[in-house]
Protein backbone atom coordinates (compact mmCIF):
# COMPACT_ATOMS: atom_id res chain seq x y z
CA UNK A 1 0.00 0.00 0.00
CA UNK A 2 1.34 3.39 -0.93
CA UNK A 3 -0.44 5.60 1.58
CA UNK A 4 -2.04 5.22 5.00
CA UNK A 5 -5.32 6.93 4.11
CA UNK A 6 -7.45 8.10 7.02
CA UNK A 7 -11.18 7.35 7.01
CA UNK A 8 -11.87 11.10 6.68
CA UNK A 9 -9.66 11.40 3.58
CA UNK A 10 -11.22 8.29 2.07
CA UNK A 11 -14.67 9.78 2.71
CA UNK A 12 -13.62 12.98 0.91
CA UNK A 13 -12.49 10.95 -2.09
CA UNK A 14 -15.73 9.00 -2.12
CA UNK A 15 -17.67 12.29 -2.17
CA UNK A 16 -15.64 13.45 -5.15
CA UNK A 17 -13.07 16.04 -4.04
CA UNK A 18 -9.92 15.69 -1.95
CA UNK A 19 -8.38 18.62 -0.10
CA UNK A 20 -4.79 18.85 -1.36
CA UNK A 21 -3.42 19.98 2.02
CA UNK A 22 -4.90 16.88 3.65
CA UNK A 23 -3.57 14.70 0.84
CA UNK A 24 -0.08 16.19 1.25
CA UNK A 25 -0.27 15.55 5.00
CA UNK A 26 -1.21 11.94 4.25
CA UNK A 27 1.87 11.67 2.03
CA UNK A 28 4.04 13.24 4.75
CA UNK A 29 2.93 10.74 7.38
CA UNK A 30 2.78 7.71 5.07
CA UNK A 31 6.13 8.21 3.34
CA UNK A 32 8.32 9.89 5.97
CA UNK A 33 11.65 9.00 4.36
CA UNK A 34 10.60 10.37 0.97
CA UNK A 35 9.12 13.46 2.64
CA UNK A 36 12.30 14.13 4.60
CA UNK A 37 14.47 13.58 1.53
CA UNK A 38 12.51 16.05 -0.56
CA UNK A 39 12.16 18.55 2.32
CA UNK A 40 15.88 18.54 2.96
CA UNK A 41 16.69 18.99 -0.72
CA UNK A 42 14.28 21.93 -0.94
CA UNK A 43 15.97 23.49 2.10
CA UNK A 44 19.42 22.86 0.59
CA UNK A 45 18.36 24.50 -2.67
CA UNK A 46 17.08 27.55 -0.80
CA UNK A 47 20.28 27.89 1.24
CA UNK A 48 22.85 27.01 -1.42
CA UNK A 49 21.04 28.34 -4.46
CA UNK A 50 22.16 27.02 -7.79
CA UNK A 51 20.30 25.17 -10.50
CA UNK A 52 19.27 22.16 -8.40
CA UNK A 53 19.91 20.12 -5.28
CA UNK A 54 20.12 16.34 -5.40
CA UNK A 55 20.66 13.28 -3.28
CA UNK A 56 23.24 10.67 -4.26
CA UNK A 57 23.17 8.50 -1.13
CA UNK A 58 21.22 5.24 -1.42
CA UNK A 59 18.43 4.71 1.12
CA UNK A 60 19.41 2.67 4.19
CA UNK A 61 16.93 -0.14 3.41
CA UNK A 62 14.36 -1.42 0.96
CA UNK A 63 11.61 0.17 3.07
CA UNK A 64 12.99 3.66 2.47
CA UNK A 65 13.76 2.90 -1.17
CA UNK A 66 10.15 1.82 -1.62
CA UNK A 67 8.94 5.11 -0.17
CA UNK A 68 10.93 7.08 -2.73
CA UNK A 69 9.68 4.91 -5.55
CA UNK A 70 6.04 5.26 -4.43
CA UNK A 71 6.33 9.02 -4.00
CA UNK A 72 7.96 9.69 -7.34
CA UNK A 73 6.23 7.05 -9.47
CA UNK A 74 2.75 8.33 -8.67
CA UNK A 75 1.73 11.31 -10.78
CA UNK A 76 -0.74 12.43 -8.09
CA UNK A 77 1.78 12.24 -5.24
CA UNK A 78 4.60 13.74 -7.26
CA UNK A 79 2.41 16.57 -8.52
CA UNK A 80 1.10 17.37 -5.04
CA UNK A 81 4.66 17.45 -3.66
CA UNK A 82 5.83 19.72 -6.46
CA UNK A 83 2.97 22.14 -5.82
CA UNK A 84 3.43 22.00 -2.04
CA UNK A 85 7.17 22.72 -2.15
CA UNK A 86 7.09 24.95 -5.24
CA UNK A 87 9.71 22.92 -7.11
CA UNK A 88 10.06 20.48 -9.97
CA UNK A 89 11.17 16.99 -9.03
CA UNK A 90 13.42 14.76 -11.09
CA UNK A 91 14.37 11.16 -10.39
CA UNK A 92 17.10 8.76 -11.51
CA UNK A 93 17.71 5.19 -10.41
CA UNK A 94 16.32 4.18 -7.07
CA UNK A 95 17.58 7.06 -4.97
CA UNK A 96 18.85 10.03 -6.95
CA UNK A 97 16.16 12.63 -6.37
CA UNK A 98 16.67 16.23 -7.45
CA UNK A 99 14.69 19.39 -6.85
CA UNK A 100 14.72 22.23 -9.36
CA UNK A 101 13.28 25.70 -8.85
CA UNK A 102 10.30 26.76 -10.95
CA UNK A 103 12.61 29.14 -12.79
CA UNK A 104 12.76 28.68 -16.58
CA UNK A 105 16.44 29.66 -16.39
CA UNK A 106 17.22 26.13 -15.09
CA UNK A 107 15.32 24.30 -17.83
CA UNK A 108 18.64 23.36 -19.44
CA UNK A 109 19.94 21.81 -16.20
CA UNK A 110 16.66 19.93 -15.76
CA UNK A 111 16.89 18.71 -19.34
CA UNK A 112 20.46 17.54 -18.76
CA UNK A 113 19.52 15.76 -15.52
CA UNK A 114 16.59 13.93 -17.14
CA UNK A 115 18.36 13.16 -20.42
CA UNK A 116 19.02 9.70 -21.76
CA UNK A 117 22.75 10.43 -21.48
CA UNK A 118 22.52 11.28 -17.78
CA UNK A 119 20.41 8.21 -17.11
CA UNK A 120 23.01 5.97 -18.76
CA UNK A 121 25.92 7.67 -16.99
CA UNK A 122 24.17 7.29 -13.61
CA UNK A 123 24.12 3.49 -13.83
CA UNK A 124 26.26 1.10 -11.84
CA UNK A 125 26.26 -2.63 -11.11
CA UNK A 126 25.43 -1.93 -7.44
CA UNK A 127 22.17 -0.29 -8.46
CA UNK A 128 21.09 -2.93 -10.97
CA UNK A 129 18.39 -4.41 -8.73
CA UNK A 130 17.34 -1.34 -6.85
C-alpha atoms as a PDB file:
ATOM      1  CA  UNK A   1       0.000   0.000   0.000  1.00  0.00           C
ATOM      2  CA  UNK A   2       1.344   3.394  -0.932  1.00  0.00           C
ATOM      3  CA  UNK A   3      -0.442   5.603   1.584  1.00  0.00           C
ATOM      4  CA  UNK A   4      -2.040   5.221   4.997  1.00  0.00           C
ATOM      5  CA  UNK A   5      -5.318   6.926   4.106  1.00  0.00           C
ATOM      6  CA  UNK A   6      -7.451   8.100   7.016  1.00  0.00           C
ATOM      7  CA  UNK A   7     -11.175   7.351   7.007  1.00  0.00           C
ATOM      8  CA  UNK A   8     -11.870  11.097   6.676  1.00  0.00           C
ATOM      9  CA  UNK A   9      -9.660  11.403   3.582  1.00  0.00           C
ATOM     10  CA  UNK A  10     -11.224   8.292   2.075  1.00  0.00           C
ATOM     11  CA  UNK A  11     -14.667   9.777   2.706  1.00  0.00           C
ATOM     12  CA  UNK A  12     -13.623  12.977   0.912  1.00  0.00           C
ATOM     13  CA  UNK A  13     -12.494  10.947  -2.090  1.00  0.00           C
ATOM     14  CA  UNK A  14     -15.735   8.996  -2.121  1.00  0.00           C
ATOM     15  CA  UNK A  15     -17.674  12.293  -2.168  1.00  0.00           C
ATOM     16  CA  UNK A  16     -15.636  13.454  -5.154  1.00  0.00           C
ATOM     17  CA  UNK A  17     -13.071  16.043  -4.038  1.00  0.00           C
ATOM     18  CA  UNK A  18      -9.921  15.686  -1.954  1.00  0.00           C
ATOM     19  CA  UNK A  19      -8.380  18.620  -0.100  1.00  0.00           C
ATOM     20  CA  UNK A  20      -4.791  18.848  -1.357  1.00  0.00           C
ATOM     21  CA  UNK A  21      -3.424  19.980   2.022  1.00  0.00           C
ATOM     22  CA  UNK A  22      -4.902  16.883   3.645  1.00  0.00           C
ATOM     23  CA  UNK A  23      -3.568  14.702   0.843  1.00  0.00           C
ATOM     24  CA  UNK A  24      -0.079  16.193   1.254  1.00  0.00           C
ATOM     25  CA  UNK A  25      -0.271  15.554   5.000  1.00  0.00           C
ATOM     26  CA  UNK A  26      -1.214  11.941   4.246  1.00  0.00           C
ATOM     27  CA  UNK A  27       1.875  11.669   2.028  1.00  0.00           C
ATOM     28  CA  UNK A  28       4.039  13.244   4.755  1.00  0.00           C
ATOM     29  CA  UNK A  29       2.926  10.741   7.380  1.00  0.00           C
ATOM     30  CA  UNK A  30       2.779   7.710   5.074  1.00  0.00           C
ATOM     31  CA  UNK A  31       6.128   8.205   3.337  1.00  0.00           C
ATOM     32  CA  UNK A  32       8.325   9.887   5.973  1.00  0.00           C
ATOM     33  CA  UNK A  33      11.653   9.001   4.363  1.00  0.00           C
ATOM     34  CA  UNK A  34      10.601  10.373   0.972  1.00  0.00           C
ATOM     35  CA  UNK A  35       9.123  13.459   2.637  1.00  0.00           C
ATOM     36  CA  UNK A  36      12.298  14.134   4.603  1.00  0.00           C
ATOM     37  CA  UNK A  37      14.474  13.577   1.531  1.00  0.00           C
ATOM     38  CA  UNK A  38      12.512  16.055  -0.557  1.00  0.00           C
ATOM     39  CA  UNK A  39      12.160  18.549   2.316  1.00  0.00           C
ATOM     40  CA  UNK A  40      15.884  18.535   2.961  1.00  0.00           C
ATOM     41  CA  UNK A  41      16.687  18.991  -0.722  1.00  0.00           C
ATOM     42  CA  UNK A  42      14.278  21.933  -0.943  1.00  0.00           C
ATOM     43  CA  UNK A  43      15.972  23.488   2.104  1.00  0.00           C
ATOM     44  CA  UNK A  44      19.415  22.855   0.593  1.00  0.00           C
ATOM     45  CA  UNK A  45      18.362  24.502  -2.671  1.00  0.00           C
ATOM     46  CA  UNK A  46      17.078  27.551  -0.799  1.00  0.00           C
ATOM     47  CA  UNK A  47      20.284  27.886   1.245  1.00  0.00           C
ATOM     48  CA  UNK A  48      22.854  27.011  -1.417  1.00  0.00           C
ATOM     49  CA  UNK A  49      21.041  28.338  -4.462  1.00  0.00           C
ATOM     50  CA  UNK A  50      22.155  27.016  -7.787  1.00  0.00           C
ATOM     51  CA  UNK A  51      20.300  25.171 -10.499  1.00  0.00           C
ATOM     52  CA  UNK A  52      19.274  22.164  -8.397  1.00  0.00           C
ATOM     53  CA  UNK A  53      19.914  20.118  -5.276  1.00  0.00           C
ATOM     54  CA  UNK A  54      20.119  16.336  -5.403  1.00  0.00           C
ATOM     55  CA  UNK A  55      20.658  13.275  -3.279  1.00  0.00           C
ATOM     56  CA  UNK A  56      23.236  10.670  -4.261  1.00  0.00           C
ATOM     57  CA  UNK A  57      23.170   8.499  -1.130  1.00  0.00           C
ATOM     58  CA  UNK A  58      21.221   5.237  -1.419  1.00  0.00           C
ATOM     59  CA  UNK A  59      18.428   4.712   1.120  1.00  0.00           C
ATOM     60  CA  UNK A  60      19.405   2.674   4.186  1.00  0.00           C
ATOM     61  CA  UNK A  61      16.934  -0.136   3.415  1.00  0.00           C
ATOM     62  CA  UNK A  62      14.356  -1.416   0.957  1.00  0.00           C
ATOM     63  CA  UNK A  63      11.615   0.169   3.073  1.00  0.00           C
ATOM     64  CA  UNK A  64      12.988   3.663   2.466  1.00  0.00           C
ATOM     65  CA  UNK A  65      13.761   2.898  -1.172  1.00  0.00           C
ATOM     66  CA  UNK A  66      10.145   1.819  -1.617  1.00  0.00           C
ATOM     67  CA  UNK A  67       8.938   5.108  -0.168  1.00  0.00           C
ATOM     68  CA  UNK A  68      10.935   7.085  -2.728  1.00  0.00           C
ATOM     69  CA  UNK A  69       9.678   4.912  -5.552  1.00  0.00           C
ATOM     70  CA  UNK A  70       6.043   5.256  -4.428  1.00  0.00           C
ATOM     71  CA  UNK A  71       6.325   9.022  -4.000  1.00  0.00           C
ATOM     72  CA  UNK A  72       7.961   9.690  -7.345  1.00  0.00           C
ATOM     73  CA  UNK A  73       6.229   7.047  -9.472  1.00  0.00           C
ATOM     74  CA  UNK A  74       2.747   8.328  -8.669  1.00  0.00           C
ATOM     75  CA  UNK A  75       1.728  11.307 -10.782  1.00  0.00           C
ATOM     76  CA  UNK A  76      -0.745  12.428  -8.088  1.00  0.00           C
ATOM     77  CA  UNK A  77       1.779  12.242  -5.239  1.00  0.00           C
ATOM     78  CA  UNK A  78       4.605  13.741  -7.256  1.00  0.00           C
ATOM     79  CA  UNK A  79       2.414  16.574  -8.520  1.00  0.00           C
ATOM     80  CA  UNK A  80       1.105  17.370  -5.038  1.00  0.00           C
ATOM     81  CA  UNK A  81       4.664  17.445  -3.662  1.00  0.00           C
ATOM     82  CA  UNK A  82       5.834  19.721  -6.456  1.00  0.00           C
ATOM     83  CA  UNK A  83       2.967  22.141  -5.819  1.00  0.00           C
ATOM     84  CA  UNK A  84       3.434  21.997  -2.039  1.00  0.00           C
ATOM     85  CA  UNK A  85       7.168  22.716  -2.151  1.00  0.00           C
ATOM     86  CA  UNK A  86       7.091  24.951  -5.237  1.00  0.00           C
ATOM     87  CA  UNK A  87       9.707  22.923  -7.109  1.00  0.00           C
ATOM     88  CA  UNK A  88      10.060  20.483  -9.971  1.00  0.00           C
ATOM     89  CA  UNK A  89      11.173  16.990  -9.031  1.00  0.00           C
ATOM     90  CA  UNK A  90      13.420  14.755 -11.095  1.00  0.00           C
ATOM     91  CA  UNK A  91      14.367  11.162 -10.388  1.00  0.00           C
ATOM     92  CA  UNK A  92      17.099   8.758 -11.510  1.00  0.00           C
ATOM     93  CA  UNK A  93      17.710   5.191 -10.412  1.00  0.00           C
ATOM     94  CA  UNK A  94      16.324   4.182  -7.066  1.00  0.00           C
ATOM     95  CA  UNK A  95      17.575   7.060  -4.970  1.00  0.00           C
ATOM     96  CA  UNK A  96      18.847  10.032  -6.949  1.00  0.00           C
ATOM     97  CA  UNK A  97      16.156  12.627  -6.373  1.00  0.00           C
ATOM     98  CA  UNK A  98      16.674  16.234  -7.446  1.00  0.00           C
ATOM     99  CA  UNK A  99      14.686  19.391  -6.850  1.00  0.00           C
ATOM    100  CA  UNK A 100      14.723  22.227  -9.360  1.00  0.00           C
ATOM    101  CA  UNK A 101      13.282  25.697  -8.852  1.00  0.00           C
ATOM    102  CA  UNK A 102      10.299  26.756 -10.953  1.00  0.00           C
ATOM    103  CA  UNK A 103      12.615  29.138 -12.789  1.00  0.00           C
ATOM    104  CA  UNK A 104      12.758  28.684 -16.582  1.00  0.00           C
ATOM    105  CA  UNK A 105      16.440  29.657 -16.386  1.00  0.00           C
ATOM    106  CA  UNK A 106      17.219  26.135 -15.092  1.00  0.00           C
ATOM    107  CA  UNK A 107      15.319  24.298 -17.828  1.00  0.00           C
ATOM    108  CA  UNK A 108      18.644  23.363 -19.435  1.00  0.00           C
ATOM    109  CA  UNK A 109      19.941  21.815 -16.201  1.00  0.00           C
ATOM    110  CA  UNK A 110      16.655  19.929 -15.758  1.00  0.00           C
ATOM    111  CA  UNK A 111      16.887  18.707 -19.338  1.00  0.00           C
ATOM    112  CA  UNK A 112      20.460  17.538 -18.761  1.00  0.00           C
ATOM    113  CA  UNK A 113      19.517  15.757 -15.523  1.00  0.00           C
ATOM    114  CA  UNK A 114      16.593  13.934 -17.136  1.00  0.00           C
ATOM    115  CA  UNK A 115      18.362  13.164 -20.423  1.00  0.00           C
ATOM    116  CA  UNK A 116      19.025   9.701 -21.763  1.00  0.00           C
ATOM    117  CA  UNK A 117      22.749  10.428 -21.480  1.00  0.00           C
ATOM    118  CA  UNK A 118      22.522  11.280 -17.782  1.00  0.00           C
ATOM    119  CA  UNK A 119      20.413   8.205 -17.114  1.00  0.00           C
ATOM    120  CA  UNK A 120      23.009   5.970 -18.761  1.00  0.00           C
ATOM    121  CA  UNK A 121      25.923   7.675 -16.988  1.00  0.00           C
ATOM    122  CA  UNK A 122      24.171   7.292 -13.612  1.00  0.00           C
ATOM    123  CA  UNK A 123      24.115   3.489 -13.833  1.00  0.00           C
ATOM    124  CA  UNK A 124      26.258   1.105 -11.837  1.00  0.00           C
ATOM    125  CA  UNK A 125      26.255  -2.626 -11.106  1.00  0.00           C
ATOM    126  CA  UNK A 126      25.431  -1.931  -7.437  1.00  0.00           C
ATOM    127  CA  UNK A 127      22.166  -0.293  -8.463  1.00  0.00           C
ATOM    128  CA  UNK A 128      21.093  -2.929 -10.975  1.00  0.00           C
ATOM    129  CA  UNK A 129      18.389  -4.411  -8.733  1.00  0.00           C
ATOM    130  CA  UNK A 130      17.337  -1.342  -6.853  1.00  0.00           C
END
